[in-house]
Amino acid sequence: MHAVVMETDKLNANLDIFWLKDEAMVDLENLSAPEILAQEITENLEAALEQFRSVSDEIGDANQTTDPK
């Protein structure tokens, strides 16, 4: 059993995947200024939150029309 664990550890230690270049990765040297990135993140989060609110409202509306209270 110990030999199996040791062999697995050797395999895990050799899983160097940095050579796999992801074409979608951002060029870290050409990023926008931090304040611009923060603004974009905020806008994306606010848009996502609005979508969640919309879905929540639709679920709530659907529950009210099917709830036999």
C-alpha atoms as a PDB file:
ATOM      1  CA  MET A   1       0.000   0.000   0.000  1.00  0.00           C
ATOM      2  CA  HIS A   2       2.799   2.397   0.869  1.00  0.00           C
ATOM      3  CA  ALA A   3       4.372   1.786  -2.533  1.00  0.00           C
ATOM      4  CA  VAL A   4       1.099   2.701  -4.285  1.00  0.00           C
ATOM      5  CA  VAL A   5       0.850   5.952  -2.312  1.00  0.00           C
ATOM      6  CA  MET A   6       4.462   6.811  -3.070  1.00  0.00           C
ATOM      7  CA  GLU A   7       3.982   6.099  -6.784  1.00  0.00           C
ATOM      8  CA  THR A   8       0.837   8.251  -6.855  1.00  0.00           C
ATOM      9  CA  ASP A   9       2.715  11.069  -5.132  1.00  0.00           C
ATOM     10  CA  LYS A  10       5.421  10.856  -7.805  1.00  0.00           C
ATOM     11  CA  LEU A  11       2.787  11.114 -10.544  1.00  0.00           C
ATOM     12  CA  ASN A  12       1.074  14.068  -8.886  1.00  0.00           C
ATOM     13  CA  ALA A  13       4.381  15.860  -8.397  1.00  0.00           C
ATOM     14  CA  ASN A  14       5.120  15.533 -12.114  1.00  0.00           C
ATOM     15  CA  LEU A  15       1.859  17.010 -13.374  1.00  0.00           C
ATOM     16  CA  ASP A  16       3.453  20.183 -14.665  1.00  0.00           C
ATOM     17  CA  ILE A  17       0.766  21.663 -16.906  1.00  0.00           C
ATOM     18  CA  PHE A  18       2.261  25.115 -17.350  1.00  0.00           C
ATOM     19  CA  TRP A  19       3.370  24.122 -20.830  1.00  0.00           C
ATOM     20  CA  LEU A  20      -0.319  24.002 -21.819  1.00  0.00           C
ATOM     21  CA  LYS A  21      -0.888  27.519 -23.031  1.00  0.00           C
ATOM     22  CA  ASP A  22      -4.465  28.649 -22.773  1.00  0.00           C
ATOM     23  CA  GLU A  23      -5.253  30.878 -25.733  1.00  0.00           C
ATOM     24  CA  ALA A  24      -7.857  32.676 -23.617  1.00  0.00           C
ATOM     25  CA  MET A  25      -5.305  33.783 -21.037  1.00  0.00           C
ATOM     26  CA  VAL A  26      -4.839  37.495 -20.667  1.00  0.00           C
ATOM     27  CA  ASP A  27      -1.539  39.138 -21.479  1.00  0.00           C
ATOM     28  CA  LEU A  28      -0.608  40.160 -17.955  1.00  0.00           C
ATOM     29  CA  GLU A  29       1.827  42.792 -19.185  1.00  0.00           C
ATOM     30  CA  ASN A  30      -0.908  44.709 -21.003  1.00  0.00           C
ATOM     31  CA  LEU A  31      -3.672  44.819 -18.400  1.00  0.00           C
ATOM     32  CA  SER A  32      -5.749  47.925 -17.912  1.00  0.00           C
ATOM     33  CA  ALA A  33      -5.183  50.129 -14.889  1.00  0.00           C
ATOM     34  CA  PRO A  34      -6.436  48.659 -11.595  1.00  0.00           C
ATOM     35  CA  GLU A  35      -9.201  51.248 -11.250  1.00  0.00           C
ATOM     36  CA  ILE A  36     -10.506  50.386 -14.727  1.00  0.00           C
ATOM     37  CA  LEU A  37     -10.404  46.660 -13.925  1.00  0.00           C
ATOM     38  CA  ALA A  38     -12.223  47.311 -10.657  1.00  0.00           C
ATOM     39  CA  GLN A  39     -14.912  49.310 -12.470  1.00  0.00           C
ATOM     40  CA  GLU A  40     -15.380  46.572 -15.086  1.00  0.00           C
ATOM     41  CA  ILE A  41     -15.623  43.919 -12.380  1.00  0.00           C
ATOM     42  CA  THR A  42     -18.161  46.012 -10.489  1.00  0.00           C
ATOM     43  CA  GLU A  43     -20.257  46.515 -13.627  1.00  0.00           C
ATOM     44  CA  ASN A  44     -20.171  42.786 -14.402  1.00  0.00           C
ATOM     45  CA  LEU A  45     -21.154  41.878 -10.850  1.00  0.00           C
ATOM     46  CA  GLU A  46     -23.999  44.400 -10.828  1.00  0.00           C
ATOM     47  CA  ALA A  47     -25.291  43.043 -14.143  1.00  0.00           C
ATOM     48  CA  ALA A  48     -25.110  39.487 -12.808  1.00  0.00           C
ATOM     49  CA  LEU A  49     -26.921  40.514  -9.628  1.00  0.00           C
ATOM     50  CA  GLU A  50     -29.670  42.132 -11.692  1.00  0.00           C
ATOM     51  CA  GLN A  51     -30.055  38.899 -13.668  1.00  0.00           C
ATOM     52  CA  PHE A  52     -30.311  36.909 -10.434  1.00  0.00           C
ATOM     53  CA  ARG A  53     -32.944  39.331  -9.155  1.00  0.00           C
ATOM     54  CA  SER A  54     -34.898  38.908 -12.373  1.00  0.00           C
ATOM     55  CA  VAL A  55     -34.806  35.122 -12.103  1.00  0.00           C
ATOM     56  CA  SER A  56     -35.760  35.320  -8.433  1.00  0.00           C
ATOM     57  CA  ASP A  57     -38.698  37.579  -9.278  1.00  0.00           C
ATOM     58  CA  GLU A  58     -39.843  35.184 -12.005  1.00  0.00           C
ATOM     59  CA  ILE A  59     -39.604  32.218  -9.635  1.00  0.00           C
ATOM     60  CA  GLY A  60     -41.504  34.148  -6.985  1.00  0.00           C
ATOM     61  CA  ASP A  61     -44.192  35.133  -9.490  1.00  0.00           C
ATOM     62  CA  ALA A  62     -44.484  31.553 -10.718  1.00  0.00           C
ATOM     63  CA  ASN A  63     -44.805  30.251  -7.162  1.00  0.00           C
ATOM     64  CA  GLN A  64     -47.528  32.779  -6.363  1.00  0.00           C
ATOM     65  CA  THR A  65     -49.623  31.758  -9.363  1.00  0.00           C
ATOM     66  CA  THR A  66     -49.309  28.039  -8.608  1.00  0.00           C
ATOM     67  CA  ASP A  67     -49.534  28.276  -4.794  1.00  0.00           C
ATOM     68  CA  PRO A  68     -53.099  27.276  -3.778  1.00  0.00           C
ATOM     69  CA  LYS A  69     -53.161  29.446  -0.615  1.00  0.00           C
END
